[in-house]
Amino acid sequence: MKQKLQFEPAWDKTISKRDRREIEQTFDSLISLPKSGIHFSLLRQAKNYQNSLLLTVLIHNRNSEPFVFDNPVLQYRMDDLIFARHAFVFSYTIPKKTSLPWTFIFPAGTYTEQATRLQGKLEIAARLA
């Protein structure tokens, strides 16, 4: 089964044509993803008016089974240094062999200022019980 791109319904209704095209082009250009697992491709990062760090990514579920994000702890790192870490409280199921865009919001205090200036790697650190 081939990997497919899917937009969460709220995104599908509100995304601009330009942003959709950018996400589709990024998805189409990804050829070196591992064959299994959950992976993130960074699309953009920004800070909002509340001084939160916004990381917009493509989440890739490369597994043959749906993946449930269930209160994940995510971290943003470069090499061995962690620049952001936050416990998110939500549950969302990503279908098998599916990629979708998502924005993770790291509130002020959960990231260092260096995180806003680097191209790090987002990863699942743990899940809350």
C-alpha atoms as a PDB file:
ATOM      1  CA  MET A   1       0.000   0.000   0.000  1.00  0.00           C
ATOM      2  CA  LYS A   2       1.323   3.397  -1.004  1.00  0.00           C
ATOM      3  CA  GLN A   3       1.688   6.265   1.488  1.00  0.00           C
ATOM      4  CA  LYS A   4      -1.122   8.811   1.099  1.00  0.00           C
ATOM      5  CA  LEU A   5      -1.478  12.439   2.127  1.00  0.00           C
ATOM      6  CA  GLN A   6      -4.541  13.325   4.178  1.00  0.00           C
ATOM      7  CA  PHE A   7      -5.756  16.614   5.628  1.00  0.00           C
ATOM      8  CA  GLU A   8      -7.567  16.683   8.959  1.00  0.00           C
ATOM      9  CA  PRO A   9     -11.107  18.069   8.272  1.00  0.00           C
ATOM     10  CA  ALA A  10     -10.481  21.419  10.012  1.00  0.00           C
ATOM     11  CA  TRP A  11      -7.299  21.907   7.969  1.00  0.00           C
ATOM     12  CA  ASP A  12      -9.030  20.861   4.782  1.00  0.00           C
ATOM     13  CA  LYS A  13     -11.612  23.635   5.182  1.00  0.00           C
ATOM     14  CA  THR A  14      -9.248  26.451   6.138  1.00  0.00           C
ATOM     15  CA  ILE A  15      -5.900  25.877   4.438  1.00  0.00           C
ATOM     16  CA  SER A  16      -4.888  28.330   1.735  1.00  0.00           C
ATOM     17  CA  LYS A  17      -4.239  27.098  -1.783  1.00  0.00           C
ATOM     18  CA  ARG A  18      -0.624  28.194  -1.479  1.00  0.00           C
ATOM     19  CA  ASP A  19      -0.073  26.286   1.775  1.00  0.00           C
ATOM     20  CA  ARG A  20      -1.828  23.193   0.409  1.00  0.00           C
ATOM     21  CA  ARG A  21       0.384  23.264  -2.690  1.00  0.00           C
ATOM     22  CA  GLU A  22       3.518  23.628  -0.522  1.00  0.00           C
ATOM     23  CA  ILE A  23       2.493  20.665   1.658  1.00  0.00           C
ATOM     24  CA  GLU A  24       1.663  18.524  -1.382  1.00  0.00           C
ATOM     25  CA  GLN A  25       5.010  19.377  -2.997  1.00  0.00           C
ATOM     26  CA  THR A  26       6.873  18.517   0.203  1.00  0.00           C
ATOM     27  CA  PHE A  27       4.986  15.223   0.485  1.00  0.00           C
ATOM     28  CA  ASP A  28       5.698  14.364  -3.160  1.00  0.00           C
ATOM     29  CA  SER A  29       9.422  15.080  -2.704  1.00  0.00           C
ATOM     30  CA  LEU A  30       9.874  12.749   0.282  1.00  0.00           C
ATOM     31  CA  ILE A  31      11.459   9.609  -1.017  1.00  0.00           C
ATOM     32  CA  SER A  32      13.793   8.540   1.764  1.00  0.00           C
ATOM     33  CA  LEU A  33      11.413   7.867   4.638  1.00  0.00           C
ATOM     34  CA  PRO A  34      12.023   4.682   6.611  1.00  0.00           C
ATOM     35  CA  LYS A  35       9.658   1.847   5.700  1.00  0.00           C
ATOM     36  CA  SER A  36       7.983   1.728   9.114  1.00  0.00           C
ATOM     37  CA  GLY A  37       7.437   3.843  12.208  1.00  0.00           C
ATOM     38  CA  ILE A  38       6.233   7.352  12.961  1.00  0.00           C
ATOM     39  CA  HIS A  39       8.290  10.156  11.447  1.00  0.00           C
ATOM     40  CA  PHE A  40       8.055  13.935  11.225  1.00  0.00           C
ATOM     41  CA  SER A  41       9.066  16.255   8.384  1.00  0.00           C
ATOM     42  CA  LEU A  42       9.406  19.878   9.475  1.00  0.00           C
ATOM     43  CA  LEU A  43       7.482  22.253   7.218  1.00  0.00           C
ATOM     44  CA  ARG A  44       7.886  25.517   9.142  1.00  0.00           C
ATOM     45  CA  GLN A  45       8.323  27.021  12.540  1.00  0.00           C
ATOM     46  CA  ALA A  46       7.141  30.312  13.974  1.00  0.00           C
ATOM     47  CA  LYS A  47       6.278  32.092  17.204  1.00  0.00           C
ATOM     48  CA  ASN A  48       2.788  33.363  17.886  1.00  0.00           C
ATOM     49  CA  TYR A  49       1.464  36.338  19.850  1.00  0.00           C
ATOM     50  CA  GLN A  50       1.583  34.290  23.087  1.00  0.00           C
ATOM     51  CA  ASN A  51       5.291  33.607  22.530  1.00  0.00           C
ATOM     52  CA  SER A  52       4.568  29.931  21.833  1.00  0.00           C
ATOM     53  CA  LEU A  53       6.719  27.988  19.400  1.00  0.00           C
ATOM     54  CA  LEU A  54       4.674  26.544  16.540  1.00  0.00           C
ATOM     55  CA  LEU A  55       6.144  23.592  14.677  1.00  0.00           C
ATOM     56  CA  THR A  56       4.201  22.648  11.566  1.00  0.00           C
ATOM     57  CA  VAL A  57       5.126  19.186  10.392  1.00  0.00           C
ATOM     58  CA  LEU A  58       4.019  16.335   8.224  1.00  0.00           C
ATOM     59  CA  ILE A  59       3.398  13.349  10.483  1.00  0.00           C
ATOM     60  CA  HIS A  60       4.093  10.113   8.636  1.00  0.00           C
ATOM     61  CA  ASN A  61       2.565   6.876   9.882  1.00  0.00           C
ATOM     62  CA  ARG A  62       4.587   4.395   7.829  1.00  0.00           C
ATOM     63  CA  ASN A  63       3.161   1.409   9.707  1.00  0.00           C
ATOM     64  CA  SER A  64       0.623  -1.128   8.433  1.00  0.00           C
ATOM     65  CA  GLU A  65      -1.595  -0.321  11.412  1.00  0.00           C
ATOM     66  CA  PRO A  66      -3.272   2.904  12.551  1.00  0.00           C
ATOM     67  CA  PHE A  67      -1.229   4.884  15.084  1.00  0.00           C
ATOM     68  CA  VAL A  68      -2.858   6.562  18.073  1.00  0.00           C
ATOM     69  CA  PHE A  69      -1.272   9.719  19.408  1.00  0.00           C
ATOM     70  CA  ASP A  70      -2.376   9.418  23.022  1.00  0.00           C
ATOM     71  CA  ASN A  71      -1.090  12.259  25.199  1.00  0.00           C
ATOM     72  CA  PRO A  72       2.386  12.256  23.648  1.00  0.00           C
ATOM     73  CA  VAL A  73       5.450  13.945  25.049  1.00  0.00           C
ATOM     74  CA  LEU A  74       7.282  15.451  22.087  1.00  0.00           C
ATOM     75  CA  GLN A  75      10.741  16.883  21.952  1.00  0.00           C
ATOM     76  CA  TYR A  76      12.538  18.988  19.393  1.00  0.00           C
ATOM     77  CA  ARG A  77      16.236  18.333  19.264  1.00  0.00           C
ATOM     78  CA  MET A  78      19.395  18.696  17.292  1.00  0.00           C
ATOM     79  CA  ASP A  79      22.038  16.056  17.816  1.00  0.00           C
ATOM     80  CA  ASP A  80      21.980  15.256  21.547  1.00  0.00           C
ATOM     81  CA  LEU A  81      20.616  18.625  22.680  1.00  0.00           C
ATOM     82  CA  ILE A  82      16.910  19.010  23.448  1.00  0.00           C
ATOM     83  CA  PHE A  83      15.612  22.508  22.677  1.00  0.00           C
ATOM     84  CA  ALA A  84      11.894  21.949  23.328  1.00  0.00           C
ATOM     85  CA  ARG A  85       9.859  19.379  25.233  1.00  0.00           C
ATOM     86  CA  HIS A  86       6.158  19.397  25.993  1.00  0.00           C
ATOM     87  CA  ALA A  87       3.454  16.978  27.151  1.00  0.00           C
ATOM     88  CA  PHE A  88       0.493  17.308  24.801  1.00  0.00           C
ATOM     89  CA  VAL A  89      -2.965  16.314  25.983  1.00  0.00           C
ATOM     90  CA  PHE A  90      -4.945  14.949  23.060  1.00  0.00           C
ATOM     91  CA  SER A  91      -5.743  11.698  21.323  1.00  0.00           C
ATOM     92  CA  TYR A  92      -5.792  11.339  17.551  1.00  0.00           C
ATOM     93  CA  THR A  93      -5.600   8.305  15.293  1.00  0.00           C
ATOM     94  CA  ILE A  94      -3.558   8.446  12.103  1.00  0.00           C
ATOM     95  CA  PRO A  95      -4.584   5.790   9.586  1.00  0.00           C
ATOM     96  CA  LYS A  96      -2.002   3.292   8.332  1.00  0.00           C
ATOM     97  CA  LYS A  97       0.352   4.452   5.570  1.00  0.00           C
ATOM     98  CA  THR A  98      -0.876   8.035   5.937  1.00  0.00           C
ATOM     99  CA  SER A  99       0.855  11.400   6.233  1.00  0.00           C
ATOM    100  CA  LEU A 100      -0.905  14.508   7.479  1.00  0.00           C
ATOM    101  CA  PRO A 101       0.063  18.062   8.360  1.00  0.00           C
ATOM    102  CA  TRP A 102      -0.189  19.126  11.981  1.00  0.00           C
ATOM    103  CA  THR A 103       0.946  22.077  14.054  1.00  0.00           C
ATOM    104  CA  PHE A 104       2.312  21.403  17.518  1.00  0.00           C
ATOM    105  CA  ILE A 105       2.304  24.372  19.882  1.00  0.00           C
ATOM    106  CA  PHE A 106       5.042  24.494  22.514  1.00  0.00           C
ATOM    107  CA  PRO A 107       4.037  27.102  25.118  1.00  0.00           C
ATOM    108  CA  ALA A 108       6.564  29.650  26.364  1.00  0.00           C
ATOM    109  CA  GLY A 109       8.775  27.980  28.945  1.00  0.00           C
ATOM    110  CA  THR A 110       8.813  24.601  27.164  1.00  0.00           C
ATOM    111  CA  TYR A 111      11.492  25.587  24.656  1.00  0.00           C
ATOM    112  CA  THR A 112      14.769  27.483  24.553  1.00  0.00           C
ATOM    113  CA  GLU A 113      15.267  30.510  22.359  1.00  0.00           C
ATOM    114  CA  GLN A 114      17.713  28.538  20.184  1.00  0.00           C
ATOM    115  CA  ALA A 115      14.789  26.332  19.075  1.00  0.00           C
ATOM    116  CA  THR A 116      13.414  29.235  17.043  1.00  0.00           C
ATOM    117  CA  ARG A 117      16.588  29.424  14.953  1.00  0.00           C
ATOM    118  CA  LEU A 118      17.389  25.833  14.074  1.00  0.00           C
ATOM    119  CA  GLN A 119      16.207  23.056  11.848  1.00  0.00           C
ATOM    120  CA  GLY A 120      15.941  20.339  14.434  1.00  0.00           C
ATOM    121  CA  LYS A 121      14.176  17.004  14.611  1.00  0.00           C
ATOM    122  CA  LEU A 122      10.792  16.469  16.227  1.00  0.00           C
ATOM    123  CA  GLU A 123      10.287  13.102  17.908  1.00  0.00           C
ATOM    124  CA  ILE A 124       8.081  11.269  20.347  1.00  0.00           C
ATOM    125  CA  ALA A 125       9.858  11.142  23.696  1.00  0.00           C
ATOM    126  CA  ALA A 126       7.160   9.318  25.678  1.00  0.00           C
ATOM    127  CA  ARG A 127       3.446   9.018  26.300  1.00  0.00           C
ATOM    128  CA  LEU A 128       1.708  10.201  29.419  1.00  0.00           C
ATOM    129  CA  ALA A 129      -0.145   7.572  31.374  1.00  0.00           C
END
